[in-house]
Structures are given as structure tokens and as C-alpha cells.
Amino acid sequence: MPKQGIHPNYREVVFLDQSNGFQFVTRSCAPAKDKITLEDGRELPLFKLETSSESHAFYTGTQKSVDSLGGRVEKFRNKFAQFRK
């Protein structure tokens, strides 16, 4: 018989990106204070996020490349090239 009370509360949780309203359901142990009722009638715990893959600049393609900032990376490499092995 498995021990009781040693396992985390692993259940379905709704993650909500507060920056754009995107939400997804997955299984998680994340603590959630709020609940949300989905369109299908299920009431699940709600975990609020500041950003997700739907709003993060890296995933949306709006992130600026470091190399496009006036050649600073190339200037740094040239300056310290003598120290590279």
C-alpha cells in the first residue's frame, strides 16, 4: 500500500497569460488560489502568468537580435580575441 500524504497535488490546472488572455490546460502541481469555469463546464484551479509563449518576444519573433545593435558583439569579440584559446 502506498504511503499517504507524501505526493504533491498533481491535477489539471488552467494557466492564464494575463498580458493577452491566452489560456491552456495542463497537469501541474503549481499552487493556485483562484478557480475558473471552462466552456465545457469543468471548474479547474487557475494559475496566472505574466507571460507565456504566446506573448514572450522570443517566441513571437519580435525580439531584437543582439548582433543587430550596432555591431557591439563583433566589436567585443575583436577587442578580446587575443585572450581566446
PDB file of N, CA and C in Angstrom:
ATOM      1  N   MET A   1       0.839  -1.172   0.000  1.00  0.00           N
ATOM      2  CA  MET A   1       0.000   0.000   0.000  1.00  0.00           C
ATOM      3  C   MET A   1       0.891   1.246   0.000  1.00  0.00           C
ATOM      4  N   PRO A   2       0.652   2.222  -0.937  1.00  0.00           N
ATOM      5  CA  PRO A   2       1.494   3.424  -0.986  1.00  0.00           C
ATOM      6  C   PRO A   2       1.278   4.321   0.228  1.00  0.00           C
ATOM      7  N   LYS A   3       2.315   5.057   0.575  1.00  0.00           N
ATOM      8  CA  LYS A   3       2.225   5.976   1.708  1.00  0.00           C
ATOM      9  C   LYS A   3       1.312   7.145   1.357  1.00  0.00           C
ATOM     10  N   GLN A   4       0.521   7.565   2.289  1.00  0.00           N
ATOM     11  CA  GLN A   4      -0.407   8.684   2.091  1.00  0.00           C
ATOM     12  C   GLN A   4       0.257   9.997   2.511  1.00  0.00           C
ATOM     13  N   GLY A   5      -0.066  11.079   1.806  1.00  0.00           N
ATOM     14  CA  GLY A   5       0.381  12.410   2.195  1.00  0.00           C
ATOM     15  C   GLY A   5       1.780  12.796   1.771  1.00  0.00           C
ATOM     16  N   ILE A   6       2.451  11.985   0.953  1.00  0.00           N
ATOM     17  CA  ILE A   6       3.811  12.341   0.547  1.00  0.00           C
ATOM     18  C   ILE A   6       3.887  12.798  -0.905  1.00  0.00           C
ATOM     19  N   HIS A   7       2.808  12.657  -1.629  1.00  0.00           N
ATOM     20  CA  HIS A   7       2.813  13.029  -3.045  1.00  0.00           C
ATOM     21  C   HIS A   7       2.200  14.408  -3.243  1.00  0.00           C
ATOM     22  N   PRO A   8       2.742  15.189  -4.191  1.00  0.00           N
ATOM     23  CA  PRO A   8       2.166  16.520  -4.453  1.00  0.00           C
ATOM     24  C   PRO A   8       0.791  16.401  -5.092  1.00  0.00           C
ATOM     25  N   ASN A   9       0.031  17.477  -5.033  1.00  0.00           N
ATOM     26  CA  ASN A   9      -1.307  17.512  -5.610  1.00  0.00           C
ATOM     27  C   ASN A   9      -1.193  17.741  -7.116  1.00  0.00           C
ATOM     28  N   TYR A  10      -1.072  16.663  -7.872  1.00  0.00           N
ATOM     29  CA  TYR A  10      -0.889  16.710  -9.323  1.00  0.00           C
ATOM     30  C   TYR A  10      -2.253  16.595  -9.986  1.00  0.00           C
ATOM     31  N   ARG A  11      -2.674  17.701 -10.627  1.00  0.00           N
ATOM     32  CA  ARG A  11      -4.016  17.723 -11.202  1.00  0.00           C
ATOM     33  C   ARG A  11      -4.031  18.655 -12.405  1.00  0.00           C
ATOM     34  N   GLU A  12      -5.155  18.726 -13.102  1.00  0.00           N
ATOM     35  CA  GLU A  12      -5.288  19.642 -14.224  1.00  0.00           C
ATOM     36  C   GLU A  12      -5.389  21.065 -13.692  1.00  0.00           C
ATOM     37  N   VAL A  13      -4.648  21.995 -14.336  1.00  0.00           N
ATOM     38  CA  VAL A  13      -4.630  23.397 -13.949  1.00  0.00           C
ATOM     39  C   VAL A  13      -4.742  24.237 -15.213  1.00  0.00           C
ATOM     40  N   VAL A  14      -5.467  25.346 -15.143  1.00  0.00           N
ATOM     41  CA  VAL A  14      -5.542  26.296 -16.246  1.00  0.00           C
ATOM     42  C   VAL A  14      -4.489  27.375 -15.996  1.00  0.00           C
ATOM     43  N   PHE A  15      -3.616  27.590 -16.981  1.00  0.00           N
ATOM     44  CA  PHE A  15      -2.633  28.662 -16.928  1.00  0.00           C
ATOM     45  C   PHE A  15      -3.147  29.802 -17.801  1.00  0.00           C
ATOM     46  N   LEU A  16      -3.193  31.012 -17.248  1.00  0.00           N
ATOM     47  CA  LEU A  16      -3.732  32.176 -17.932  1.00  0.00           C
ATOM     48  C   LEU A  16      -2.642  33.226 -18.101  1.00  0.00           C
ATOM     49  N   ASP A  17      -2.350  33.583 -19.362  1.00  0.00           N
ATOM     50  CA  ASP A  17      -1.402  34.657 -19.669  1.00  0.00           C
ATOM     51  C   ASP A  17      -2.158  35.969 -19.522  1.00  0.00           C
ATOM     52  N   GLN A  18      -1.822  36.745 -18.496  1.00  0.00           N
ATOM     53  CA  GLN A  18      -2.558  37.969 -18.205  1.00  0.00           C
ATOM     54  C   GLN A  18      -2.297  39.074 -19.215  1.00  0.00           C
ATOM     55  N   SER A  19      -1.215  38.973 -19.993  1.00  0.00           N
ATOM     56  CA  SER A  19      -0.909  40.040 -20.943  1.00  0.00           C
ATOM     57  C   SER A  19      -1.792  39.990 -22.182  1.00  0.00           C
ATOM     58  N   ASN A  20      -2.306  38.786 -22.527  1.00  0.00           N
ATOM     59  CA  ASN A  20      -3.130  38.700 -23.742  1.00  0.00           C
ATOM     60  C   ASN A  20      -4.360  37.796 -23.596  1.00  0.00           C
ATOM     61  N   GLY A  21      -4.572  37.214 -22.439  1.00  0.00           N
ATOM     62  CA  GLY A  21      -5.765  36.395 -22.214  1.00  0.00           C
ATOM     63  C   GLY A  21      -5.655  34.961 -22.696  1.00  0.00           C
ATOM     64  N   PHE A  22      -4.502  34.552 -23.244  1.00  0.00           N
ATOM     65  CA  PHE A  22      -4.307  33.179 -23.712  1.00  0.00           C
ATOM     66  C   PHE A  22      -4.317  32.239 -22.515  1.00  0.00           C
ATOM     67  N   GLN A  23      -5.022  31.123 -22.641  1.00  0.00           N
ATOM     68  CA  GLN A  23      -5.060  30.142 -21.561  1.00  0.00           C
ATOM     69  C   GLN A  23      -4.894  28.740 -22.121  1.00  0.00           C
ATOM     70  N   PHE A  24      -4.306  27.879 -21.300  1.00  0.00           N
ATOM     71  CA  PHE A  24      -4.154  26.476 -21.677  1.00  0.00           C
ATOM     72  C   PHE A  24      -4.276  25.610 -20.441  1.00  0.00           C
ATOM     73  N   VAL A  25      -4.684  24.377 -20.653  1.00  0.00           N
ATOM     74  CA  VAL A  25      -4.881  23.414 -19.571  1.00  0.00           C
ATOM     75  C   VAL A  25      -3.791  22.361 -19.656  1.00  0.00           C
ATOM     76  N   THR A  26      -3.173  22.084 -18.539  1.00  0.00           N
ATOM     77  CA  THR A  26      -2.173  21.027 -18.462  1.00  0.00           C
ATOM     78  C   THR A  26      -2.177  20.488 -17.035  1.00  0.00           C
ATOM     79  N   ARG A  27      -1.485  19.406 -16.820  1.00  0.00           N
ATOM     80  CA  ARG A  27      -1.394  18.838 -15.474  1.00  0.00           C
ATOM     81  C   ARG A  27      -0.187  19.457 -14.783  1.00  0.00           C
ATOM     82  N   SER A  28      -0.372  19.817 -13.502  1.00  0.00           N
ATOM     83  CA  SER A  28       0.684  20.518 -12.780  1.00  0.00           C
ATOM     84  C   SER A  28       0.483  20.391 -11.275  1.00  0.00           C
ATOM     85  N   CYS A  29       1.541  20.667 -10.532  1.00  0.00           N
ATOM     86  CA  CYS A  29       1.496  20.752  -9.071  1.00  0.00           C
ATOM     87  C   CYS A  29       1.496  22.211  -8.626  1.00  0.00           C
ATOM     88  N   ALA A  30       1.432  23.153  -9.570  1.00  0.00           N
ATOM     89  CA  ALA A  30       1.500  24.582  -9.258  1.00  0.00           C
ATOM     90  C   ALA A  30       0.384  24.970  -8.301  1.00  0.00           C
ATOM     91  N   PRO A  31       0.720  25.760  -7.281  1.00  0.00           N
ATOM     92  CA  PRO A  31      -0.318  26.198  -6.342  1.00  0.00           C
ATOM     93  C   PRO A  31      -1.236  27.216  -7.015  1.00  0.00           C
ATOM     94  N   ALA A  32      -2.510  27.091  -6.792  1.00  0.00           N
ATOM     95  CA  ALA A  32      -3.472  28.007  -7.404  1.00  0.00           C
ATOM     96  C   ALA A  32      -4.501  28.413  -6.364  1.00  0.00           C
ATOM     97  N   LYS A  33      -4.696  29.721  -6.227  1.00  0.00           N
ATOM     98  CA  LYS A  33      -5.671  30.232  -5.258  1.00  0.00           C
ATOM     99  C   LYS A  33      -7.047  30.406  -5.890  1.00  0.00           C
ATOM    100  N   ASP A  34      -7.064  30.726  -7.178  1.00  0.00           N
ATOM    101  CA  ASP A  34      -8.324  31.006  -7.865  1.00  0.00           C
ATOM    102  C   ASP A  34      -8.804  29.783  -8.637  1.00  0.00           C
ATOM    103  N   LYS A  35     -10.067  29.834  -9.063  1.00  0.00           N
ATOM    104  CA  LYS A  35     -10.645  28.789  -9.908  1.00  0.00           C
ATOM    105  C   LYS A  35     -11.290  29.450 -11.108  1.00  0.00           C
ATOM    106  N   ILE A  36     -11.423  28.686 -12.187  1.00  0.00           N
ATOM    107  CA  ILE A  36     -12.057  29.173 -13.408  1.00  0.00           C
ATOM    108  C   ILE A  36     -12.972  28.078 -13.936  1.00  0.00           C
ATOM    109  N   THR A  37     -14.097  28.485 -14.501  1.00  0.00           N
ATOM    110  CA  THR A  37     -15.011  27.532 -15.129  1.00  0.00           C
ATOM    111  C   THR A  37     -14.809  27.606 -16.635  1.00  0.00           C
ATOM    112  N   LEU A  38     -14.485  26.472 -17.226  1.00  0.00           N
ATOM    113  CA  LEU A  38     -14.241  26.412 -18.664  1.00  0.00           C
ATOM    114  C   LEU A  38     -15.559  26.306 -19.426  1.00  0.00           C
ATOM    115  N   GLU A  39     -15.479  26.450 -20.746  1.00  0.00           N
ATOM    116  CA  GLU A  39     -16.669  26.398 -21.597  1.00  0.00           C
ATOM    117  C   GLU A  39     -17.388  25.052 -21.505  1.00  0.00           C
ATOM    118  N   ASP A  40     -16.630  23.996 -21.231  1.00  0.00           N
ATOM    119  CA  ASP A  40     -17.241  22.664 -21.140  1.00  0.00           C
ATOM    120  C   ASP A  40     -17.836  22.380 -19.755  1.00  0.00           C
ATOM    121  N   GLY A  41     -17.782  23.380 -18.853  1.00  0.00           N
ATOM    122  CA  GLY A  41     -18.402  23.234 -17.549  1.00  0.00           C
ATOM    123  C   GLY A  41     -17.465  22.795 -16.436  1.00  0.00           C
ATOM    124  N   ARG A  42     -16.251  22.388 -16.760  1.00  0.00           N
ATOM    125  CA  ARG A  42     -15.302  21.960 -15.728  1.00  0.00           C
ATOM    126  C   ARG A  42     -14.807  23.172 -14.946  1.00  0.00           C
ATOM    127  N   GLU A  43     -14.698  23.022 -13.635  1.00  0.00           N
ATOM    128  CA  GLU A  43     -14.111  24.056 -12.794  1.00  0.00           C
ATOM    129  C   GLU A  43     -12.723  23.590 -12.379  1.00  0.00           C
ATOM    130  N   LEU A  44     -11.713  24.355 -12.788  1.00  0.00           N
ATOM    131  CA  LEU A  44     -10.330  23.968 -12.536  1.00  0.00           C
ATOM    132  C   LEU A  44      -9.586  25.085 -11.823  1.00  0.00           C
ATOM    133  N   PRO A  45      -8.494  24.731 -11.110  1.00  0.00           N
ATOM    134  CA  PRO A  45      -7.658  25.756 -10.496  1.00  0.00           C
ATOM    135  C   PRO A  45      -7.049  26.656 -11.575  1.00  0.00           C
ATOM    136  N   LEU A  46      -6.855  27.946 -11.243  1.00  0.00           N
ATOM    137  CA  LEU A  46      -6.318  28.932 -12.177  1.00  0.00           C
ATOM    138  C   LEU A  46      -4.985  29.446 -11.668  1.00  0.00           C
ATOM    139  N   PHE A  47      -3.960  29.354 -12.515  1.00  0.00           N
ATOM    140  CA  PHE A  47      -2.630  29.872 -12.204  1.00  0.00           C
ATOM    141  C   PHE A  47      -2.352  30.998 -13.193  1.00  0.00           C
ATOM    142  N   LYS A  48      -2.113  32.203 -12.676  1.00  0.00           N
ATOM    143  CA  LYS A  48      -1.931  33.370 -13.536  1.00  0.00           C
ATOM    144  C   LYS A  48      -0.454  33.575 -13.858  1.00  0.00           C
ATOM    145  N   LEU A  49      -0.173  33.829 -15.146  1.00  0.00           N
ATOM    146  CA  LEU A  49       1.178  34.062 -15.639  1.00  0.00           C
ATOM    147  C   LEU A  49       1.304  35.491 -16.146  1.00  0.00           C
ATOM    148  N   GLU A  50       2.487  36.074 -16.029  1.00  0.00           N
ATOM    149  CA  GLU A  50       2.722  37.392 -16.610  1.00  0.00           C
ATOM    150  C   GLU A  50       3.013  37.277 -18.104  1.00  0.00           C
ATOM    151  N   THR A  51       3.627  36.181 -18.504  1.00  0.00           N
ATOM    152  CA  THR A  51       3.950  35.978 -19.912  1.00  0.00           C
ATOM    153  C   THR A  51       3.981  34.482 -20.202  1.00  0.00           C
ATOM    154  N   SER A  52       3.723  34.136 -21.444  1.00  0.00           N
ATOM    155  CA  SER A  52       3.790  32.742 -21.889  1.00  0.00           C
ATOM    156  C   SER A  52       4.407  32.732 -23.280  1.00  0.00           C
ATOM    157  N   SER A  53       4.429  31.591 -23.912  1.00  0.00           N
ATOM    158  CA  SER A  53       4.987  31.510 -25.258  1.00  0.00           C
ATOM    159  C   SER A  53       4.163  32.309 -26.262  1.00  0.00           C
ATOM    160  N   GLU A  54       2.917  32.614 -25.926  1.00  0.00           N
ATOM    161  CA  GLU A  54       2.058  33.405 -26.812  1.00  0.00           C
ATOM    162  C   GLU A  54       2.365  34.898 -26.749  1.00  0.00           C
ATOM    163  N   SER A  55       3.042  35.349 -25.688  1.00  0.00           N
ATOM    164  CA  SER A  55       3.306  36.776 -25.558  1.00  0.00           C
ATOM    165  C   SER A  55       4.786  37.118 -25.406  1.00  0.00           C
ATOM    166  N   HIS A  56       5.653  36.138 -25.169  1.00  0.00           N
ATOM    167  CA  HIS A  56       7.079  36.411 -24.978  1.00  0.00           C
ATOM    168  C   HIS A  56       7.721  36.785 -26.305  1.00  0.00           C
ATOM    169  N   ALA A  57       8.566  37.793 -26.287  1.00  0.00           N
ATOM    170  CA  ALA A  57       9.181  38.318 -27.510  1.00  0.00           C
ATOM    171  C   ALA A  57       9.997  37.269 -28.266  1.00  0.00           C
ATOM    172  N   PHE A  58      10.639  36.357 -27.560  1.00  0.00           N
ATOM    173  CA  PHE A  58      11.439  35.330 -28.236  1.00  0.00           C
ATOM    174  C   PHE A  58      10.559  34.438 -29.106  1.00  0.00           C
ATOM    175  N   TYR A  59       9.416  34.042 -28.597  1.00  0.00           N
ATOM    176  CA  TYR A  59       8.542  33.119 -29.320  1.00  0.00           C
ATOM    177  C   TYR A  59       7.657  33.809 -30.358  1.00  0.00           C
ATOM    178  N   THR A  60       7.383  35.094 -30.173  1.00  0.00           N
ATOM    179  CA  THR A  60       6.540  35.805 -31.137  1.00  0.00           C
ATOM    180  C   THR A  60       7.342  36.384 -32.292  1.00  0.00           C
ATOM    181  N   GLY A  61       8.670  36.345 -32.190  1.00  0.00           N
ATOM    182  CA  GLY A  61       9.517  36.855 -33.269  1.00  0.00           C
ATOM    183  C   GLY A  61       9.749  38.346 -33.205  1.00  0.00           C
ATOM    184  N   THR A  62       9.401  38.999 -32.121  1.00  0.00           N
ATOM    185  CA  THR A  62       9.598  40.435 -32.007  1.00  0.00           C
ATOM    186  C   THR A  62      10.842  40.805 -31.203  1.00  0.00           C
ATOM    187  N   GLN A  63      11.598  39.806 -30.772  1.00  0.00           N
ATOM    188  CA  GLN A  63      12.814  40.066 -30.013  1.00  0.00           C
ATOM    189  C   GLN A  63      13.893  40.583 -30.946  1.00  0.00           C
ATOM    190  N   LYS A  64      14.625  41.576 -30.492  1.00  0.00           N
ATOM    191  CA  LYS A  64      15.703  42.138 -31.298  1.00  0.00           C
ATOM    192  C   LYS A  64      16.970  41.327 -31.070  1.00  0.00           C
ATOM    193  N   SER A  65      17.672  41.080 -32.137  1.00  0.00           N
ATOM    194  CA  SER A  65      18.912  40.322 -32.059  1.00  0.00           C
ATOM    195  C   SER A  65      20.014  41.192 -31.467  1.00  0.00           C
ATOM    196  N   VAL A  66      20.854  40.592 -30.662  1.00  0.00           N
ATOM    197  CA  VAL A  66      21.967  41.319 -30.066  1.00  0.00           C
ATOM    198  C   VAL A  66      22.946  41.755 -31.147  1.00  0.00           C
ATOM    199  N   ASP A  67      23.105  40.951 -32.189  1.00  0.00           N
ATOM    200  CA  ASP A  67      24.042  41.282 -33.256  1.00  0.00           C
ATOM    201  C   ASP A  67      23.599  42.479 -34.080  1.00  0.00           C
ATOM    202  N   SER A  68      22.328  42.821 -34.047  1.00  0.00           N
ATOM    203  CA  SER A  68      21.837  43.942 -34.842  1.00  0.00           C
ATOM    204  C   SER A  68      21.929  45.268 -34.094  1.00  0.00           C
ATOM    205  N   LEU A  69      22.544  45.281 -32.943  1.00  0.00           N
ATOM    206  CA  LEU A  69      22.634  46.501 -32.151  1.00  0.00           C
ATOM    207  C   LEU A  69      23.953  47.231 -32.420  1.00  0.00           C
ATOM    208  N   GLY A  70      24.205  47.555 -33.651  1.00  0.00           N
ATOM    209  CA  GLY A  70      25.370  48.371 -33.995  1.00  0.00           C
ATOM    210  C   GLY A  70      26.688  47.630 -33.969  1.00  0.00           C
ATOM    211  N   GLY A  71      26.687  46.326 -34.089  1.00  0.00           N
ATOM    212  CA  GLY A  71      27.931  45.563 -34.145  1.00  0.00           C
ATOM    213  C   GLY A  71      28.671  45.473 -32.829  1.00  0.00           C
ATOM    214  N   ARG A  72      27.990  45.646 -31.715  1.00  0.00           N
ATOM    215  CA  ARG A  72      28.657  45.613 -30.414  1.00  0.00           C
ATOM    216  C   ARG A  72      29.266  44.252 -30.103  1.00  0.00           C
ATOM    217  N   VAL A  73      28.588  43.198 -30.510  1.00  0.00           N
ATOM    218  CA  VAL A  73      29.105  41.852 -30.248  1.00  0.00           C
ATOM    219  C   VAL A  73      30.401  41.632 -31.020  1.00  0.00           C
ATOM    220  N   GLU A  74      30.423  42.027 -32.275  1.00  0.00           N
ATOM    221  CA  GLU A  74      31.629  41.873 -33.097  1.00  0.00           C
ATOM    222  C   GLU A  74      32.767  42.735 -32.542  1.00  0.00           C
ATOM    223  N   LYS A  75      32.458  43.927 -32.082  1.00  0.00           N
ATOM    224  CA  LYS A  75      33.467  44.821 -31.501  1.00  0.00           C
ATOM    225  C   LYS A  75      34.058  44.179 -30.245  1.00  0.00           C
ATOM    226  N   PHE A  76      33.203  43.561 -29.413  1.00  0.00           N
ATOM    227  CA  PHE A  76      33.667  42.884 -28.206  1.00  0.00           C
ATOM    228  C   PHE A  76      34.576  41.707 -28.565  1.00  0.00           C
ATOM    229  N   ARG A  77      34.155  40.916 -29.542  1.00  0.00           N
ATOM    230  CA  ARG A  77      34.974  39.759 -29.949  1.00  0.00           C
ATOM    231  C   ARG A  77      36.336  40.192 -30.468  1.00  0.00           C
ATOM    232  N   ASN A  78      36.362  41.246 -31.235  1.00  0.00           N
ATOM    233  CA  ASN A  78      37.654  41.740 -31.761  1.00  0.00           C
ATOM    234  C   ASN A  78      38.542  42.250 -30.646  1.00  0.00           C
ATOM    235  N   LYS A  79      37.969  42.936 -29.682  1.00  0.00           N
ATOM    236  CA  LYS A  79      38.726  43.503 -28.587  1.00  0.00           C
ATOM    237  C   LYS A  79      39.371  42.425 -27.726  1.00  0.00           C
ATOM    238  N   PHE A  80      38.653  41.323 -27.489  1.00  0.00           N
ATOM    239  CA  PHE A  80      39.147  40.276 -26.606  1.00  0.00           C
ATOM    240  C   PHE A  80      39.574  39.006 -27.332  1.00  0.00           C
ATOM    241  N   ALA A  81      39.800  39.080 -28.630  1.00  0.00           N
ATOM    242  CA  ALA A  81      40.211  37.915 -29.425  1.00  0.00           C
ATOM    243  C   ALA A  81      41.554  37.375 -28.967  1.00  0.00           C
ATOM    244  N   GLN A  82      42.419  38.233 -28.484  1.00  0.00           N
ATOM    245  CA  GLN A  82      43.745  37.785 -28.063  1.00  0.00           C
ATOM    246  C   GLN A  82      43.697  36.879 -26.837  1.00  0.00           C
ATOM    247  N   PHE A  83      42.637  36.940 -26.061  1.00  0.00           N
ATOM    248  CA  PHE A  83      42.516  36.135 -24.852  1.00  0.00           C
ATOM    249  C   PHE A  83      41.863  34.782 -25.090  1.00  0.00           C
ATOM    250  N   ARG A  84      41.318  34.591 -26.294  1.00  0.00           N
ATOM    251  CA  ARG A  84      40.640  33.306 -26.595  1.00  0.00           C
ATOM    252  C   ARG A  84      41.680  32.224 -26.811  1.00  0.00           C
ATOM    253  N   LYS A  85      41.343  31.051 -26.412  1.00  0.00           N
ATOM    254  CA  LYS A  85      42.270  29.914 -26.581  1.00  0.00           C
ATOM    255  C   LYS A  85      41.979  29.182 -27.838  1.00  0.00           C
TER     256      LYS A  85
END
